[in-house]
């Protein structure tokens, strides 16, 4: 008997292509979420360290007597006083 109905078998190559496409989409979504989670974790780590240690500024903050005058230009008399003081301390 010959059937007058056309064959309704599905083409397996189309199914594989569709399956591969959805698999690749799923893998890309998982990788994207993983990357976003990793970046968020790093950002929260850095924010915590900045809160704890006061980071995030210019980074040139120094404590002590050196902040008194940081412009770098001093007059010759002041330079000689400082140099004499250092040499005196060095000899001790």
Protein backbone atom coordinates (compact mmCIF):
# COMPACT_ATOMS: atom_id res chain seq x y z
CA UNK A 1 0.00 0.00 0.00
CA UNK A 2 1.20 3.35 -0.85
CA UNK A 3 0.09 6.13 1.40
CA UNK A 4 -1.05 9.34 -0.25
CA UNK A 5 -0.06 11.33 2.83
CA UNK A 6 3.32 13.02 2.70
CA UNK A 7 5.90 11.87 5.17
CA UNK A 8 5.63 13.76 8.48
CA UNK A 9 9.02 12.73 9.82
CA UNK A 10 10.90 15.61 11.26
CA UNK A 11 14.25 16.51 9.95
CA UNK A 12 16.72 15.57 12.74
CA UNK A 13 19.31 18.11 11.55
CA UNK A 14 16.89 20.99 12.22
CA UNK A 15 16.23 19.69 15.72
CA UNK A 16 19.97 19.44 16.43
CA UNK A 17 20.58 22.95 15.17
CA UNK A 18 17.78 24.32 17.33
CA UNK A 19 18.99 22.37 20.34
CA UNK A 20 22.57 23.54 19.83
CA UNK A 21 21.41 27.13 19.54
CA UNK A 22 19.44 26.97 22.78
CA UNK A 23 22.35 25.21 24.49
CA UNK A 24 24.73 27.95 23.37
CA UNK A 25 22.27 30.60 24.56
CA UNK A 26 22.03 28.89 27.93
CA UNK A 27 25.81 28.65 28.25
CA UNK A 28 26.18 32.33 27.34
CA UNK A 29 23.56 33.32 29.93
CA UNK A 30 25.29 31.28 32.64
CA UNK A 31 28.68 32.77 31.79
CA UNK A 32 27.20 36.27 31.77
CA UNK A 33 25.66 35.79 35.20
CA UNK A 34 28.89 34.31 36.52
CA UNK A 35 30.90 37.26 35.24
CA UNK A 36 28.40 39.76 36.67
CA UNK A 37 28.47 37.98 40.03
CA UNK A 38 32.28 37.96 40.06
CA UNK A 39 32.45 41.67 39.23
CA UNK A 40 29.85 42.49 41.89
CA UNK A 41 31.84 40.49 44.44
CA UNK A 42 35.03 42.35 43.58
CA UNK A 43 33.23 45.71 43.71
CA UNK A 44 31.81 44.93 47.14
CA UNK A 45 35.24 43.78 48.35
CA UNK A 46 36.83 47.03 47.20
CA UNK A 47 34.02 49.09 48.73
CA UNK A 48 34.52 47.31 52.04
CA UNK A 49 38.25 47.97 51.99
CA UNK A 50 37.71 51.62 51.11
CA UNK A 51 35.26 51.97 53.99
CA UNK A 52 37.64 50.27 56.40
CA UNK A 53 40.86 51.95 55.39
CA UNK A 54 39.59 55.22 53.96
CA UNK A 55 40.69 54.58 50.39
CA UNK A 56 39.29 56.05 47.25
CA UNK A 57 41.01 59.40 47.68
CA UNK A 58 43.93 60.79 45.77
CA UNK A 59 46.31 58.34 47.44
CA UNK A 60 48.81 61.08 48.33
CA UNK A 61 47.68 61.46 51.91
CA UNK A 62 50.57 61.23 54.35
CA UNK A 63 50.35 61.69 58.05
CA UNK A 64 52.76 63.52 60.24
CA UNK A 65 54.86 66.64 60.05
CA UNK A 66 55.54 66.34 56.33
CA UNK A 67 52.06 67.65 55.46
CA UNK A 68 52.96 70.98 57.01
CA UNK A 69 54.45 72.28 53.80
CA UNK A 70 54.25 70.05 50.73
CA UNK A 71 54.71 72.63 47.97
CA UNK A 72 58.40 71.70 47.67
CA UNK A 73 59.75 75.28 47.53
CA UNK A 74 61.46 76.47 50.70
CA UNK A 75 63.78 79.38 51.17
CA UNK A 76 67.54 78.83 51.54
CA UNK A 77 67.67 79.68 55.26
CA UNK A 78 65.04 77.08 56.11
CA UNK A 79 66.85 74.50 53.97
CA UNK A 80 70.12 75.12 55.77
CA UNK A 81 68.43 74.78 59.18
CA UNK A 82 66.89 71.47 58.18
CA UNK A 83 70.15 70.22 56.69
CA UNK A 84 72.11 71.18 59.81
CA UNK A 85 69.57 69.39 61.99
CA UNK A 86 69.81 66.24 59.86
CA UNK A 87 73.60 66.29 59.87
CA UNK A 88 73.61 66.75 63.64
CA UNK A 89 71.29 63.74 64.04
CA UNK A 90 73.43 61.71 61.65
CA UNK A 91 76.59 62.31 63.71
CA UNK A 92 74.98 60.97 66.89
